[in-house]
Amino acid sequence: VQLQASGGGLVQAGGSLRLSCAASGRTFTTYVMGWFRQAPGKEREFVAAVTRYGHSTYYADSVKGRFTISRDNAKNTVYLQMNSLKPEDTAVYFCAAGREWATATMRDAYDSWGQGTQVTVSS
């Protein structure tokens, strides 16, 4: 599957952004979808994941209560709604498609990655 992320930008602290990730192909519902982020000089870290039909979600502690992951299988798209943004949320955000929910927080569990979209939060 090929993934195309969009929606990043510059926002003030406390603001909101919604990221989108469009997937190609007809197999979107076979994938667990996740969002990861990578700040300068840091490793890529897990942000959120959603099951194949959107029944379950999981979040990193750092974003819990502020970010919401969702998917629209009719549009082959996964979203990340980010509210109450903080400067420490500044990073390149990547969407990814994986096979196993049990390993959804692990980078190596994902088969395909989007190109990344920059999110910058100013203080």
N, C-alpha and C. Protein backbone atom coordinates (compact mmCIF):
# COMPACT_ATOMS: atom_id res chain seq x y z
N VAL A 1 0.85 -1.18 0.00
CA VAL A 1 0.00 0.00 0.00
C VAL A 1 0.89 1.24 0.00
N GLN A 2 0.46 2.25 -0.74
CA GLN A 2 1.18 3.52 -0.75
C GLN A 2 0.41 4.54 0.07
N LEU A 3 1.15 5.33 0.84
CA LEU A 3 0.53 6.27 1.77
C LEU A 3 1.00 7.69 1.48
N GLN A 4 0.08 8.64 1.58
CA GLN A 4 0.37 10.04 1.34
C GLN A 4 -0.19 10.87 2.49
N ALA A 5 0.71 11.41 3.31
CA ALA A 5 0.30 12.21 4.46
C ALA A 5 0.22 13.69 4.09
N SER A 6 -0.69 14.39 4.75
CA SER A 6 -0.84 15.83 4.52
C SER A 6 -1.46 16.47 5.76
N GLY A 7 -1.48 17.80 5.76
CA GLY A 7 -2.15 18.52 6.82
C GLY A 7 -1.26 19.18 7.85
N GLY A 8 0.04 18.98 7.73
CA GLY A 8 0.94 19.61 8.67
C GLY A 8 1.01 21.11 8.46
N GLY A 9 1.69 21.79 9.39
CA GLY A 9 1.84 23.23 9.27
C GLY A 9 2.37 23.84 10.53
N LEU A 10 2.29 25.17 10.58
CA LEU A 10 2.75 25.93 11.74
C LEU A 10 1.54 26.40 12.53
N VAL A 11 1.56 26.16 13.83
CA VAL A 11 0.43 26.53 14.68
C VAL A 11 0.97 27.01 16.02
N GLN A 12 0.24 27.89 16.66
CA GLN A 12 0.63 28.35 17.99
C GLN A 12 0.27 27.32 19.05
N ALA A 13 0.97 27.34 20.14
CA ALA A 13 0.66 26.45 21.25
C ALA A 13 -0.80 26.63 21.66
N GLY A 14 -1.45 25.50 21.91
CA GLY A 14 -2.86 25.51 22.25
C GLY A 14 -3.77 25.34 21.05
N GLY A 15 -3.20 25.43 19.86
CA GLY A 15 -3.98 25.30 18.65
C GLY A 15 -4.22 23.86 18.23
N SER A 16 -4.82 23.71 17.05
CA SER A 16 -5.20 22.39 16.55
C SER A 16 -4.77 22.22 15.10
N LEU A 17 -4.54 20.97 14.74
CA LEU A 17 -4.30 20.58 13.36
C LEU A 17 -4.93 19.21 13.14
N ARG A 18 -5.30 18.94 11.90
CA ARG A 18 -5.75 17.60 11.56
C ARG A 18 -4.89 17.07 10.41
N LEU A 19 -4.23 15.97 10.67
CA LEU A 19 -3.44 15.30 9.65
C LEU A 19 -4.29 14.25 8.96
N SER A 20 -4.02 14.07 7.68
CA SER A 20 -4.69 13.04 6.89
C SER A 20 -3.65 12.16 6.24
N CYS A 21 -4.03 10.93 5.99
CA CYS A 21 -3.14 9.98 5.32
C CYS A 21 -4.00 9.16 4.37
N ALA A 22 -3.81 9.38 3.09
CA ALA A 22 -4.58 8.67 2.07
C ALA A 22 -3.80 7.45 1.59
N ALA A 23 -4.49 6.33 1.50
CA ALA A 23 -3.87 5.08 1.08
C ALA A 23 -4.37 4.67 -0.30
N SER A 24 -3.47 4.10 -1.07
CA SER A 24 -3.85 3.60 -2.39
C SER A 24 -4.26 2.14 -2.26
N GLY A 25 -4.93 1.61 -3.28
CA GLY A 25 -5.25 0.21 -3.32
C GLY A 25 -6.56 -0.15 -2.66
N ARG A 26 -6.92 -1.44 -2.77
CA ARG A 26 -8.20 -1.91 -2.29
C ARG A 26 -8.09 -2.73 -1.01
N THR A 27 -6.91 -2.70 -0.39
CA THR A 27 -6.70 -3.57 0.77
C THR A 27 -6.59 -2.77 2.07
N PHE A 28 -7.14 -1.57 2.08
CA PHE A 28 -6.96 -0.69 3.23
C PHE A 28 -7.45 -1.34 4.52
N THR A 29 -8.55 -2.06 4.45
CA THR A 29 -9.12 -2.64 5.67
C THR A 29 -8.33 -3.82 6.21
N THR A 30 -7.32 -4.25 5.49
CA THR A 30 -6.48 -5.33 6.03
C THR A 30 -5.37 -4.79 6.92
N TYR A 31 -5.27 -3.47 7.01
CA TYR A 31 -4.17 -2.86 7.73
C TYR A 31 -4.60 -2.19 9.03
N VAL A 32 -3.81 -2.43 10.05
CA VAL A 32 -3.78 -1.57 11.23
C VAL A 32 -3.04 -0.30 10.81
N MET A 33 -3.56 0.85 11.19
CA MET A 33 -2.94 2.11 10.80
C MET A 33 -2.39 2.83 12.03
N GLY A 34 -1.21 3.41 11.85
CA GLY A 34 -0.58 4.12 12.95
C GLY A 34 0.00 5.45 12.53
N TRP A 35 0.21 6.29 13.52
CA TRP A 35 0.93 7.55 13.33
C TRP A 35 2.17 7.51 14.24
N PHE A 36 3.27 7.94 13.69
CA PHE A 36 4.52 8.09 14.42
C PHE A 36 5.03 9.51 14.20
N ARG A 37 5.98 9.92 15.00
CA ARG A 37 6.59 11.24 14.79
C ARG A 37 8.07 11.17 15.11
N GLN A 38 8.80 12.10 14.50
CA GLN A 38 10.24 12.16 14.71
C GLN A 38 10.67 13.61 14.81
N ALA A 39 11.17 13.97 15.98
CA ALA A 39 11.71 15.31 16.21
C ALA A 39 13.20 15.32 15.86
N PRO A 40 13.75 16.49 15.57
CA PRO A 40 15.18 16.57 15.22
C PRO A 40 16.07 15.96 16.30
N GLY A 41 16.95 15.08 15.88
CA GLY A 41 17.89 14.46 16.81
C GLY A 41 17.31 13.36 17.66
N LYS A 42 16.06 13.00 17.42
CA LYS A 42 15.41 11.96 18.22
C LYS A 42 14.95 10.80 17.34
N GLU A 43 14.69 9.69 17.99
CA GLU A 43 14.20 8.53 17.25
C GLU A 43 12.71 8.70 16.93
N ARG A 44 12.29 8.00 15.90
CA ARG A 44 10.88 8.00 15.55
C ARG A 44 10.08 7.29 16.65
N GLU A 45 9.02 7.93 17.11
CA GLU A 45 8.26 7.37 18.23
C GLU A 45 6.79 7.19 17.87
N PHE A 46 6.19 6.24 18.53
CA PHE A 46 4.78 5.93 18.34
C PHE A 46 3.91 7.05 18.88
N VAL A 47 2.83 7.35 18.16
CA VAL A 47 1.87 8.36 18.60
C VAL A 47 0.50 7.73 18.85
N ALA A 48 -0.03 7.05 17.83
CA ALA A 48 -1.38 6.49 17.95
C ALA A 48 -1.58 5.41 16.90
N ALA A 49 -2.55 4.52 17.17
CA ALA A 49 -2.88 3.46 16.23
C ALA A 49 -4.37 3.17 16.31
N VAL A 50 -4.89 2.63 15.20
CA VAL A 50 -6.31 2.29 15.13
C VAL A 50 -6.44 0.94 14.44
N THR A 51 -7.38 0.13 14.90
CA THR A 51 -7.60 -1.19 14.32
C THR A 51 -8.25 -1.09 12.94
N ARG A 52 -8.38 -2.21 12.29
CA ARG A 52 -8.77 -2.26 10.88
C ARG A 52 -10.11 -1.59 10.59
N TYR A 53 -11.04 -1.73 11.50
CA TYR A 53 -12.36 -1.14 11.28
C TYR A 53 -12.65 -0.01 12.27
N GLY A 54 -11.62 0.44 12.96
CA GLY A 54 -11.76 1.60 13.83
C GLY A 54 -12.38 1.35 15.17
N HIS A 55 -12.53 0.09 15.56
CA HIS A 55 -13.21 -0.20 16.82
C HIS A 55 -12.34 0.08 18.04
N SER A 56 -11.04 0.02 17.86
CA SER A 56 -10.15 0.26 18.99
C SER A 56 -9.03 1.21 18.59
N THR A 57 -8.59 1.99 19.55
CA THR A 57 -7.48 2.91 19.36
C THR A 57 -6.51 2.80 20.52
N TYR A 58 -5.32 3.28 20.30
CA TYR A 58 -4.31 3.26 21.36
C TYR A 58 -3.40 4.46 21.18
N TYR A 59 -2.99 5.08 22.29
CA TYR A 59 -2.23 6.32 22.22
C TYR A 59 -1.00 6.27 23.11
N ALA A 60 0.02 6.99 22.68
CA ALA A 60 1.14 7.24 23.57
C ALA A 60 0.67 8.12 24.72
N ASP A 61 1.26 7.93 25.89
CA ASP A 61 0.86 8.71 27.06
C ASP A 61 1.00 10.20 26.81
N SER A 62 1.98 10.58 26.04
CA SER A 62 2.26 12.00 25.82
C SER A 62 1.17 12.72 25.04
N VAL A 63 0.32 11.99 24.34
CA VAL A 63 -0.71 12.62 23.51
C VAL A 63 -2.11 12.24 23.96
N LYS A 64 -2.23 11.34 24.90
CA LYS A 64 -3.54 10.84 25.34
C LYS A 64 -4.39 12.00 25.86
N GLY A 65 -5.62 12.06 25.39
CA GLY A 65 -6.53 13.13 25.80
C GLY A 65 -6.45 14.36 24.92
N ARG A 66 -5.42 14.45 24.08
CA ARG A 66 -5.27 15.61 23.19
C ARG A 66 -5.40 15.23 21.71
N PHE A 67 -4.95 14.04 21.36
CA PHE A 67 -4.98 13.59 19.97
C PHE A 67 -6.04 12.51 19.81
N THR A 68 -6.63 12.45 18.61
CA THR A 68 -7.61 11.42 18.29
C THR A 68 -7.30 10.85 16.91
N ILE A 69 -7.14 9.55 16.85
CA ILE A 69 -6.94 8.87 15.58
C ILE A 69 -8.26 8.27 15.13
N SER A 70 -8.52 8.35 13.83
CA SER A 70 -9.74 7.77 13.27
C SER A 70 -9.46 7.37 11.83
N ARG A 71 -10.37 6.60 11.27
CA ARG A 71 -10.21 6.20 9.88
C ARG A 71 -11.56 6.17 9.19
N ASP A 72 -11.52 6.42 7.89
CA ASP A 72 -12.70 6.33 7.04
C ASP A 72 -12.35 5.32 5.95
N ASN A 73 -12.81 4.10 6.10
CA ASN A 73 -12.43 3.04 5.16
C ASN A 73 -13.05 3.27 3.78
N ALA A 74 -14.14 3.97 3.71
CA ALA A 74 -14.73 4.28 2.40
C ALA A 74 -13.84 5.23 1.60
N LYS A 75 -13.04 6.01 2.31
CA LYS A 75 -12.14 6.96 1.65
C LYS A 75 -10.69 6.52 1.71
N ASN A 76 -10.44 5.34 2.26
CA ASN A 76 -9.05 4.85 2.40
C ASN A 76 -8.16 5.88 3.08
N THR A 77 -8.67 6.46 4.14
CA THR A 77 -7.95 7.55 4.79
C THR A 77 -7.95 7.38 6.31
N VAL A 78 -6.82 7.69 6.91
CA VAL A 78 -6.72 7.73 8.37
C VAL A 78 -6.38 9.17 8.77
N TYR A 79 -6.91 9.57 9.92
CA TYR A 79 -6.76 10.95 10.38
C TYR A 79 -6.09 10.98 11.75
N LEU A 80 -5.47 12.12 12.03
CA LEU A 80 -4.99 12.38 13.38
C LEU A 80 -5.40 13.80 13.73
N GLN A 81 -6.40 13.92 14.59
CA GLN A 81 -6.84 15.22 15.08
C GLN A 81 -5.98 15.57 16.29
N MET A 82 -5.30 16.70 16.21
CA MET A 82 -4.39 17.11 17.28
C MET A 82 -4.88 18.41 17.88
N ASN A 83 -5.24 18.35 19.15
CA ASN A 83 -5.72 19.53 19.88
C ASN A 83 -4.76 19.88 21.01
N SER A 84 -4.89 21.08 21.53
CA SER A 84 -4.06 21.54 22.65
C SER A 84 -2.58 21.27 22.37
N LEU A 85 -2.16 21.65 21.20
CA LEU A 85 -0.79 21.36 20.78
C LEU A 85 0.23 22.09 21.64
N LYS A 86 1.36 21.44 21.85
CA LYS A 86 2.45 21.96 22.66
C LYS A 86 3.71 22.06 21.80
N PRO A 87 4.64 22.92 22.17
CA PRO A 87 5.90 22.99 21.40
C PRO A 87 6.60 21.64 21.29
N GLU A 88 6.49 20.82 22.31
CA GLU A 88 7.14 19.50 22.26
C GLU A 88 6.47 18.53 21.29
N ASP A 89 5.34 18.91 20.70
CA ASP A 89 4.72 18.10 19.65
C ASP A 89 5.36 18.37 18.29
N THR A 90 6.24 19.35 18.20
CA THR A 90 6.92 19.67 16.95
C THR A 90 7.73 18.47 16.46
N ALA A 91 7.44 18.05 15.23
CA ALA A 91 8.09 16.87 14.66
C ALA A 91 7.59 16.68 13.23
N VAL A 92 8.24 15.77 12.54
CA VAL A 92 7.69 15.25 11.29
C VAL A 92 6.80 14.06 11.66
N TYR A 93 5.58 14.09 11.17
CA TYR A 93 4.61 13.03 11.49
C TYR A 93 4.46 12.10 10.29
N PHE A 94 4.51 10.81 10.58
CA PHE A 94 4.44 9.77 9.57
C PHE A 94 3.23 8.87 9.83
N CYS A 95 2.52 8.53 8.77
CA CYS A 95 1.51 7.48 8.89
C CYS A 95 2.13 6.17 8.40
N ALA A 96 1.58 5.08 8.89
CA ALA A 96 2.13 3.78 8.56
C ALA A 96 1.04 2.72 8.57
N ALA A 97 1.25 1.69 7.78
CA ALA A 97 0.30 0.57 7.67
C ALA A 97 0.96 -0.70 8.15
N GLY A 98 0.29 -1.39 9.07
CA GLY A 98 0.84 -2.61 9.63
C GLY A 98 -0.17 -3.73 9.65
N ARG A 99 0.27 -4.90 10.12
CA ARG A 99 -0.57 -6.09 10.06
C ARG A 99 -1.11 -6.53 11.41
N GLU A 100 -0.40 -6.25 12.47
CA GLU A 100 -0.73 -6.84 13.76
C GLU A 100 -1.05 -5.78 14.80
N TRP A 101 -2.22 -5.88 15.41
CA TRP A 101 -2.59 -4.94 16.46
C TRP A 101 -1.71 -5.12 17.71
N ALA A 102 -1.32 -6.35 17.98
CA ALA A 102 -0.55 -6.62 19.20
C ALA A 102 0.78 -5.88 19.23
N THR A 103 1.30 -5.55 18.06
CA THR A 103 2.59 -4.87 17.98
C THR A 103 2.46 -3.47 17.40
N ALA A 104 1.32 -2.86 17.56
CA ALA A 104 1.02 -1.58 16.89
C ALA A 104 1.88 -0.43 17.37
N THR A 105 2.54 -0.54 18.50
CA THR A 105 3.39 0.56 18.97
C THR A 105 4.82 0.44 18.47
N MET A 106 5.12 -0.62 17.75
CA MET A 106 6.50 -0.89 17.33
C MET A 106 6.72 -0.49 15.88
N ARG A 107 7.77 0.30 15.65
CA ARG A 107 8.05 0.74 14.28
C ARG A 107 8.23 -0.43 13.32
N ASP A 108 8.93 -1.45 13.76
CA ASP A 108 9.25 -2.58 12.88
C ASP A 108 8.03 -3.39 12.49
N ALA A 109 6.91 -3.16 13.13
CA ALA A 109 5.69 -3.91 12.83
C ALA A 109 4.94 -3.35 11.62
N TYR A 110 5.42 -2.22 11.09
CA TYR A 110 4.72 -1.57 10.00
C TYR A 110 5.42 -1.82 8.67
N ASP A 111 4.62 -2.15 7.66
CA ASP A 111 5.17 -2.51 6.35
C ASP A 111 5.38 -1.31 5.44
N SER A 112 4.50 -0.34 5.55
CA SER A 112 4.53 0.78 4.61
C SER A 112 4.45 2.09 5.37
N TRP A 113 5.16 3.09 4.84
CA TRP A 113 5.22 4.40 5.49
C TRP A 113 4.92 5.50 4.49
N GLY A 114 4.25 6.53 4.97
CA GLY A 114 4.08 7.73 4.17
C GLY A 114 5.34 8.58 4.22
N GLN A 115 5.32 9.68 3.50
CA GLN A 115 6.52 10.50 3.35
C GLN A 115 6.74 11.46 4.51
N GLY A 116 5.77 11.65 5.36
CA GLY A 116 5.93 12.55 6.50
C GLY A 116 5.41 13.94 6.21
N THR A 117 4.87 14.57 7.24
CA THR A 117 4.39 15.94 7.14
C THR A 117 4.85 16.70 8.38
N GLN A 118 5.38 17.90 8.18
CA GLN A 118 5.98 18.66 9.26
C GLN A 118 4.91 19.37 10.08
N VAL A 119 5.00 19.21 11.39
CA VAL A 119 4.16 19.95 12.33
C VAL A 119 5.07 20.78 13.22
N THR A 120 4.85 22.08 13.25
CA THR A 120 5.64 22.98 14.07
C THR A 120 4.71 23.77 14.99
N VAL A 121 4.98 23.68 16.28
CA VAL A 121 4.15 24.37 17.27
C VAL A 121 5.01 25.44 17.93
N SER A 122 4.60 26.69 17.78
CA SER A 122 5.36 27.80 18.36
C SER A 122 4.84 28.13 19.74
N SER A 123 5.73 28.59 20.59
CA SER A 123 5.34 28.92 21.97
C SER A 123 4.90 30.36 22.10
